[in-house]
Amino acid sequence: MIIKKRDQAVEIVLSEIKGAIPTFLICNAIVVVICVVYGLVASHDWRFYTGLLLGNAAMLMNFYALGVKAGNITRMKDARRARVYALSNFFIRYIGALAVFGVMIYFKLMSPLTAVVPLFFPKLHYTISAIRNKT
């Protein structure tokens, strides 16, 4: 059995995800507390939690796919081909995410708000990191 060495881009993405775990956990905890408080005040709805779970899964898969594809793009010799590859992968990722989210929302299996919130966690992580490194 031949074990293939991981690509350098994959290693970078995985190390970035490991470094962002504390931020992702804190953000998820805040969203869960908000959902619990809202559930106590309004109505307790399990769809908040399925939305949060699916949103986190989508965020991690998108983050991973973006890193791997970025590694592939940087190795391409032809700039035009790399641009087409990047755009096609962008649309495939987002159309797939929209389809999954659309089906889940249509069948009322998740809350759209809590599914979308985790997609902003990487942006929040890098903003906090930039502020922390600047001071």
N, C-alpha and C. Protein backbone atom coordinates (compact mmCIF):
# COMPACT_ATOMS: atom_id res chain seq x y z
N MET A 1 0.84 -1.18 0.00
CA MET A 1 0.00 0.00 0.00
C MET A 1 0.89 1.25 0.00
N ILE A 2 0.64 2.13 -0.92
CA ILE A 2 1.41 3.36 -1.04
C ILE A 2 0.67 4.48 -0.32
N ILE A 3 1.35 5.14 0.60
CA ILE A 3 0.76 6.26 1.32
C ILE A 3 1.22 7.54 0.65
N LYS A 4 0.27 8.31 0.17
CA LYS A 4 0.59 9.55 -0.53
C LYS A 4 0.82 10.66 0.50
N LYS A 5 1.91 11.39 0.32
CA LYS A 5 2.20 12.50 1.21
C LYS A 5 1.20 13.63 0.95
N ARG A 6 0.76 14.25 2.03
CA ARG A 6 -0.20 15.35 1.88
C ARG A 6 0.43 16.52 1.15
N ASP A 7 -0.40 17.16 0.38
CA ASP A 7 0.00 18.35 -0.34
C ASP A 7 0.31 19.48 0.65
N GLN A 8 1.22 20.35 0.31
CA GLN A 8 1.59 21.45 1.20
C GLN A 8 0.40 22.37 1.46
N ALA A 9 -0.44 22.58 0.45
CA ALA A 9 -1.63 23.43 0.62
C ALA A 9 -2.58 22.82 1.65
N VAL A 10 -2.72 21.51 1.63
CA VAL A 10 -3.59 20.83 2.60
C VAL A 10 -3.03 21.01 4.01
N GLU A 11 -1.72 20.88 4.15
CA GLU A 11 -1.09 21.07 5.45
C GLU A 11 -1.32 22.49 5.98
N ILE A 12 -1.20 23.47 5.09
CA ILE A 12 -1.42 24.86 5.49
C ILE A 12 -2.86 25.07 5.94
N VAL A 13 -3.81 24.55 5.16
CA VAL A 13 -5.22 24.70 5.50
C VAL A 13 -5.52 24.04 6.85
N LEU A 14 -5.01 22.84 7.04
CA LEU A 14 -5.27 22.15 8.31
C LEU A 14 -4.65 22.89 9.49
N SER A 15 -3.47 23.45 9.30
CA SER A 15 -2.87 24.22 10.41
C SER A 15 -3.66 25.51 10.68
N GLU A 16 -4.20 26.12 9.64
CA GLU A 16 -5.04 27.31 9.82
C GLU A 16 -6.32 26.96 10.57
N ILE A 17 -6.92 25.83 10.21
CA ILE A 17 -8.14 25.40 10.90
C ILE A 17 -7.83 25.11 12.37
N LYS A 18 -6.70 24.43 12.65
CA LYS A 18 -6.32 24.15 14.04
C LYS A 18 -6.13 25.44 14.82
N GLY A 19 -5.52 26.44 14.19
CA GLY A 19 -5.29 27.71 14.87
C GLY A 19 -6.58 28.49 15.11
N ALA A 20 -7.59 28.25 14.27
CA ALA A 20 -8.85 28.98 14.40
C ALA A 20 -9.86 28.28 15.30
N ILE A 21 -9.56 27.09 15.76
CA ILE A 21 -10.51 26.33 16.58
C ILE A 21 -10.98 27.11 17.82
N PRO A 22 -10.08 27.77 18.58
CA PRO A 22 -10.60 28.52 19.74
C PRO A 22 -11.61 29.59 19.36
N THR A 23 -11.34 30.31 18.28
CA THR A 23 -12.29 31.34 17.84
C THR A 23 -13.61 30.71 17.42
N PHE A 24 -13.54 29.61 16.67
CA PHE A 24 -14.77 28.94 16.23
C PHE A 24 -15.57 28.43 17.42
N LEU A 25 -14.89 27.89 18.43
CA LEU A 25 -15.60 27.39 19.61
C LEU A 25 -16.26 28.52 20.39
N ILE A 26 -15.55 29.63 20.55
CA ILE A 26 -16.13 30.78 21.26
C ILE A 26 -17.33 31.33 20.50
N CYS A 27 -17.20 31.47 19.19
CA CYS A 27 -18.32 31.97 18.38
C CYS A 27 -19.52 31.03 18.46
N ASN A 28 -19.28 29.73 18.38
CA ASN A 28 -20.38 28.76 18.50
C ASN A 28 -21.03 28.82 19.87
N ALA A 29 -20.22 28.97 20.91
CA ALA A 29 -20.78 29.07 22.26
C ALA A 29 -21.68 30.30 22.38
N ILE A 30 -21.26 31.41 21.82
CA ILE A 30 -22.08 32.62 21.86
C ILE A 30 -23.40 32.41 21.13
N VAL A 31 -23.35 31.78 19.95
CA VAL A 31 -24.58 31.53 19.20
C VAL A 31 -25.49 30.57 19.95
N VAL A 32 -24.92 29.54 20.57
CA VAL A 32 -25.73 28.59 21.33
C VAL A 32 -26.40 29.28 22.52
N VAL A 33 -25.66 30.14 23.23
CA VAL A 33 -26.24 30.87 24.36
C VAL A 33 -27.39 31.76 23.87
N ILE A 34 -27.18 32.43 22.76
CA ILE A 34 -28.25 33.27 22.20
C ILE A 34 -29.47 32.42 21.85
N CYS A 35 -29.24 31.23 21.25
CA CYS A 35 -30.35 30.35 20.90
C CYS A 35 -31.08 29.85 22.14
N VAL A 36 -30.32 29.52 23.19
CA VAL A 36 -30.95 29.04 24.44
C VAL A 36 -31.78 30.15 25.07
N VAL A 37 -31.22 31.36 25.13
CA VAL A 37 -31.96 32.49 25.70
C VAL A 37 -33.20 32.77 24.86
N TYR A 38 -33.04 32.78 23.56
CA TYR A 38 -34.20 32.99 22.68
C TYR A 38 -35.22 31.87 22.88
N GLY A 39 -34.75 30.64 23.04
CA GLY A 39 -35.64 29.52 23.26
C GLY A 39 -36.41 29.63 24.55
N LEU A 40 -35.77 30.17 25.58
CA LEU A 40 -36.46 30.34 26.86
C LEU A 40 -37.50 31.44 26.78
N VAL A 41 -37.19 32.48 26.02
CA VAL A 41 -38.10 33.62 25.91
C VAL A 41 -39.21 33.32 24.91
N ALA A 42 -38.86 32.81 23.76
CA ALA A 42 -39.86 32.57 22.71
C ALA A 42 -40.28 31.10 22.73
N SER A 43 -39.81 30.37 21.79
CA SER A 43 -40.15 28.95 21.74
C SER A 43 -38.87 28.15 21.52
N HIS A 44 -38.76 27.02 22.17
CA HIS A 44 -37.57 26.19 22.03
C HIS A 44 -37.66 25.44 20.70
N ASP A 45 -36.73 25.73 19.81
CA ASP A 45 -36.77 25.16 18.47
C ASP A 45 -35.46 24.43 18.18
N TRP A 46 -35.51 23.14 17.94
CA TRP A 46 -34.33 22.34 17.66
C TRP A 46 -33.68 22.73 16.33
N ARG A 47 -34.42 23.43 15.47
CA ARG A 47 -33.87 23.81 14.16
C ARG A 47 -32.70 24.79 14.28
N PHE A 48 -32.65 25.53 15.39
CA PHE A 48 -31.50 26.42 15.62
C PHE A 48 -30.22 25.60 15.65
N TYR A 49 -30.27 24.47 16.34
CA TYR A 49 -29.07 23.67 16.54
C TYR A 49 -28.69 22.88 15.29
N THR A 50 -29.68 22.39 14.53
CA THR A 50 -29.35 21.72 13.28
C THR A 50 -28.79 22.72 12.28
N GLY A 51 -29.31 23.93 12.29
CA GLY A 51 -28.76 24.98 11.42
C GLY A 51 -27.33 25.31 11.79
N LEU A 52 -27.06 25.41 13.08
CA LEU A 52 -25.70 25.70 13.54
C LEU A 52 -24.75 24.57 13.17
N LEU A 53 -25.19 23.34 13.33
CA LEU A 53 -24.36 22.20 12.99
C LEU A 53 -24.06 22.16 11.49
N LEU A 54 -25.09 22.35 10.67
CA LEU A 54 -24.89 22.34 9.23
C LEU A 54 -24.05 23.53 8.78
N GLY A 55 -24.27 24.69 9.38
CA GLY A 55 -23.48 25.87 9.04
C GLY A 55 -22.01 25.68 9.36
N ASN A 56 -21.70 25.06 10.50
CA ASN A 56 -20.32 24.77 10.85
C ASN A 56 -19.69 23.77 9.88
N ALA A 57 -20.45 22.75 9.52
CA ALA A 57 -19.94 21.77 8.56
C ALA A 57 -19.66 22.44 7.22
N ALA A 58 -20.58 23.28 6.77
CA ALA A 58 -20.38 23.99 5.50
C ALA A 58 -19.19 24.93 5.57
N MET A 59 -19.03 25.61 6.70
CA MET A 59 -17.90 26.53 6.86
C MET A 59 -16.57 25.77 6.79
N LEU A 60 -16.47 24.65 7.50
CA LEU A 60 -15.23 23.88 7.49
C LEU A 60 -14.94 23.27 6.12
N MET A 61 -15.96 22.73 5.48
CA MET A 61 -15.75 22.16 4.14
C MET A 61 -15.36 23.23 3.13
N ASN A 62 -16.01 24.40 3.20
CA ASN A 62 -15.69 25.49 2.29
C ASN A 62 -14.27 25.99 2.52
N PHE A 63 -13.89 26.14 3.79
CA PHE A 63 -12.56 26.61 4.15
C PHE A 63 -11.50 25.63 3.64
N TYR A 64 -11.74 24.34 3.84
CA TYR A 64 -10.81 23.31 3.39
C TYR A 64 -10.71 23.29 1.86
N ALA A 65 -11.86 23.28 1.19
CA ALA A 65 -11.88 23.24 -0.27
C ALA A 65 -11.20 24.47 -0.86
N LEU A 66 -11.44 25.62 -0.27
CA LEU A 66 -10.82 26.85 -0.75
C LEU A 66 -9.30 26.77 -0.66
N GLY A 67 -8.80 26.26 0.45
CA GLY A 67 -7.35 26.14 0.62
C GLY A 67 -6.72 25.17 -0.36
N VAL A 68 -7.37 24.02 -0.54
CA VAL A 68 -6.84 23.02 -1.47
C VAL A 68 -6.86 23.56 -2.90
N LYS A 69 -7.96 24.18 -3.29
CA LYS A 69 -8.05 24.73 -4.65
C LYS A 69 -7.06 25.87 -4.84
N ALA A 70 -6.84 26.67 -3.81
CA ALA A 70 -5.85 27.75 -3.91
C ALA A 70 -4.46 27.17 -4.16
N GLY A 71 -4.15 26.06 -3.48
CA GLY A 71 -2.87 25.39 -3.72
C GLY A 71 -2.76 24.90 -5.15
N ASN A 72 -3.84 24.34 -5.69
CA ASN A 72 -3.83 23.90 -7.09
C ASN A 72 -3.66 25.06 -8.05
N ILE A 73 -4.31 26.16 -7.76
CA ILE A 73 -4.25 27.33 -8.64
C ILE A 73 -2.84 27.91 -8.69
N THR A 74 -2.17 27.96 -7.55
CA THR A 74 -0.83 28.55 -7.53
C THR A 74 0.18 27.71 -8.30
N ARG A 75 -0.11 26.43 -8.50
CA ARG A 75 0.80 25.58 -9.26
C ARG A 75 0.54 25.61 -10.76
N MET A 76 -0.55 26.23 -11.19
CA MET A 76 -0.88 26.27 -12.61
C MET A 76 0.02 27.26 -13.33
N LYS A 77 0.45 26.88 -14.51
CA LYS A 77 1.34 27.74 -15.30
C LYS A 77 0.56 28.79 -16.09
N ASP A 78 -0.60 28.42 -16.58
CA ASP A 78 -1.41 29.31 -17.42
C ASP A 78 -2.37 30.13 -16.55
N ALA A 79 -2.21 31.45 -16.56
CA ALA A 79 -3.04 32.33 -15.72
C ALA A 79 -4.51 32.27 -16.12
N ARG A 80 -4.79 32.19 -17.41
CA ARG A 80 -6.18 32.16 -17.87
C ARG A 80 -6.86 30.87 -17.39
N ARG A 81 -6.16 29.76 -17.52
CA ARG A 81 -6.71 28.48 -17.06
C ARG A 81 -6.92 28.50 -15.55
N ALA A 82 -6.00 29.10 -14.82
CA ALA A 82 -6.13 29.20 -13.36
C ALA A 82 -7.35 30.04 -12.98
N ARG A 83 -7.59 31.12 -13.70
CA ARG A 83 -8.75 31.97 -13.42
C ARG A 83 -10.05 31.22 -13.67
N VAL A 84 -10.13 30.50 -14.78
CA VAL A 84 -11.33 29.72 -15.09
C VAL A 84 -11.54 28.64 -14.03
N TYR A 85 -10.47 27.98 -13.63
CA TYR A 85 -10.53 26.96 -12.59
C TYR A 85 -11.04 27.54 -11.27
N ALA A 86 -10.53 28.71 -10.90
CA ALA A 86 -10.95 29.35 -9.65
C ALA A 86 -12.42 29.74 -9.70
N LEU A 87 -12.84 30.35 -10.79
CA LEU A 87 -14.25 30.76 -10.90
C LEU A 87 -15.19 29.56 -10.92
N SER A 88 -14.82 28.52 -11.65
CA SER A 88 -15.70 27.35 -11.72
C SER A 88 -15.81 26.68 -10.35
N ASN A 89 -14.71 26.58 -9.62
CA ASN A 89 -14.77 25.99 -8.28
C ASN A 89 -15.57 26.86 -7.33
N PHE A 90 -15.45 28.18 -7.46
CA PHE A 90 -16.24 29.10 -6.63
C PHE A 90 -17.73 28.85 -6.85
N PHE A 91 -18.14 28.82 -8.11
CA PHE A 91 -19.57 28.62 -8.38
C PHE A 91 -20.04 27.23 -7.98
N ILE A 92 -19.23 26.22 -8.17
CA ILE A 92 -19.63 24.87 -7.77
C ILE A 92 -19.83 24.81 -6.26
N ARG A 93 -18.89 25.40 -5.49
CA ARG A 93 -19.01 25.38 -4.03
C ARG A 93 -20.27 26.09 -3.57
N TYR A 94 -20.52 27.28 -4.11
CA TYR A 94 -21.66 28.05 -3.63
C TYR A 94 -22.99 27.54 -4.15
N ILE A 95 -23.04 27.03 -5.35
CA ILE A 95 -24.29 26.45 -5.85
C ILE A 95 -24.62 25.19 -5.05
N GLY A 96 -23.60 24.40 -4.74
CA GLY A 96 -23.82 23.21 -3.90
C GLY A 96 -24.33 23.58 -2.52
N ALA A 97 -23.70 24.60 -1.91
CA ALA A 97 -24.14 25.04 -0.58
C ALA A 97 -25.57 25.58 -0.63
N LEU A 98 -25.87 26.37 -1.64
CA LEU A 98 -27.23 26.91 -1.78
C LEU A 98 -28.25 25.79 -1.96
N ALA A 99 -27.90 24.77 -2.73
CA ALA A 99 -28.82 23.66 -2.94
C ALA A 99 -29.08 22.91 -1.64
N VAL A 100 -28.02 22.60 -0.89
CA VAL A 100 -28.19 21.89 0.38
C VAL A 100 -28.99 22.74 1.37
N PHE A 101 -28.61 24.00 1.50
CA PHE A 101 -29.34 24.89 2.41
C PHE A 101 -30.78 25.05 1.97
N GLY A 102 -31.01 25.18 0.67
CA GLY A 102 -32.38 25.33 0.16
C GLY A 102 -33.26 24.14 0.48
N VAL A 103 -32.72 22.95 0.29
CA VAL A 103 -33.49 21.73 0.61
C VAL A 103 -33.77 21.66 2.10
N MET A 104 -32.77 21.95 2.91
CA MET A 104 -32.95 21.89 4.37
C MET A 104 -33.97 22.93 4.85
N ILE A 105 -33.94 24.11 4.26
CA ILE A 105 -34.90 25.15 4.64
C ILE A 105 -36.30 24.78 4.14
N TYR A 106 -36.39 24.27 2.92
CA TYR A 106 -37.68 23.90 2.35
C TYR A 106 -38.39 22.86 3.20
N PHE A 107 -37.64 21.86 3.69
CA PHE A 107 -38.24 20.82 4.51
C PHE A 107 -38.25 21.18 6.00
N LYS A 108 -37.91 22.43 6.30
CA LYS A 108 -37.94 22.96 7.66
C LYS A 108 -37.10 22.11 8.62
N LEU A 109 -35.88 21.78 8.19
CA LEU A 109 -34.98 20.97 9.00
C LEU A 109 -33.92 21.80 9.71
N MET A 110 -33.88 23.10 9.42
CA MET A 110 -32.89 23.96 10.06
C MET A 110 -33.35 25.40 10.05
N SER A 111 -32.71 26.19 10.89
CA SER A 111 -32.94 27.62 10.92
C SER A 111 -31.93 28.28 9.97
N PRO A 112 -32.39 29.05 9.01
CA PRO A 112 -31.44 29.66 8.07
C PRO A 112 -30.47 30.63 8.75
N LEU A 113 -30.92 31.32 9.78
CA LEU A 113 -30.05 32.29 10.45
C LEU A 113 -28.85 31.62 11.09
N THR A 114 -29.10 30.56 11.85
CA THR A 114 -27.98 29.91 12.52
C THR A 114 -27.12 29.10 11.55
N ALA A 115 -27.62 28.81 10.37
CA ALA A 115 -26.80 28.12 9.37
C ALA A 115 -25.86 29.08 8.66
N VAL A 116 -26.27 30.32 8.52
CA VAL A 116 -25.46 31.31 7.80
C VAL A 116 -24.40 31.94 8.71
N VAL A 117 -24.71 32.08 9.98
CA VAL A 117 -23.79 32.75 10.92
C VAL A 117 -22.39 32.11 10.93
N PRO A 118 -22.25 30.76 10.99
CA PRO A 118 -20.90 30.19 11.02
C PRO A 118 -20.07 30.48 9.77
N LEU A 119 -20.70 30.81 8.66
CA LEU A 119 -19.93 31.12 7.45
C LEU A 119 -19.08 32.37 7.63
N PHE A 120 -19.41 33.19 8.64
CA PHE A 120 -18.64 34.40 8.92
C PHE A 120 -17.56 34.20 9.97
N PHE A 121 -17.50 33.02 10.59
CA PHE A 121 -16.50 32.78 11.63
C PHE A 121 -15.06 32.93 11.14
N PRO A 122 -14.69 32.41 9.95
CA PRO A 122 -13.30 32.63 9.50
C PRO A 122 -12.96 34.10 9.32
N LYS A 123 -13.89 34.89 8.80
CA LYS A 123 -13.65 36.33 8.65
C LYS A 123 -13.45 36.98 10.01
N LEU A 124 -14.27 36.58 10.96
CA LEU A 124 -14.15 37.11 12.32
C LEU A 124 -12.81 36.70 12.94
N HIS A 125 -12.41 35.45 12.72
CA HIS A 125 -11.13 34.97 13.26
C HIS A 125 -9.97 35.79 12.70
N TYR A 126 -9.95 36.00 11.39
CA TYR A 126 -8.83 36.74 10.79
C TYR A 126 -8.86 38.22 11.15
N THR A 127 -10.04 38.77 11.35
CA THR A 127 -10.13 40.17 11.82
C THR A 127 -9.56 40.30 13.22
N ILE A 128 -9.96 39.40 14.11
CA ILE A 128 -9.44 39.42 15.48
C ILE A 128 -7.93 39.20 15.48
N SER A 129 -7.45 38.25 14.68
CA SER A 129 -6.01 37.98 14.60
C SER A 129 -5.24 39.20 14.11
N ALA A 130 -5.78 39.89 13.11
CA ALA A 130 -5.10 41.06 12.57
C ALA A 130 -5.04 42.18 13.61
N ILE A 131 -6.14 42.37 14.35
CA ILE A 131 -6.16 43.40 15.41
C ILE A 131 -5.18 43.03 16.50
N ARG A 132 -5.16 41.77 16.90
CA ARG A 132 -4.26 41.32 17.96
C ARG A 132 -2.79 41.46 17.54
N ASN A 133 -2.47 41.15 16.29
CA ASN A 133 -1.08 41.24 15.81
C ASN A 133 -0.63 42.67 15.57
N LYS A 134 -1.58 43.57 15.33
CA LYS A 134 -1.22 44.95 15.06
C LYS A 134 -0.86 45.70 16.33
N THR A 135 -1.45 45.32 17.45
CA THR A 135 -1.18 46.03 18.71
C THR A 135 0.04 45.53 19.41
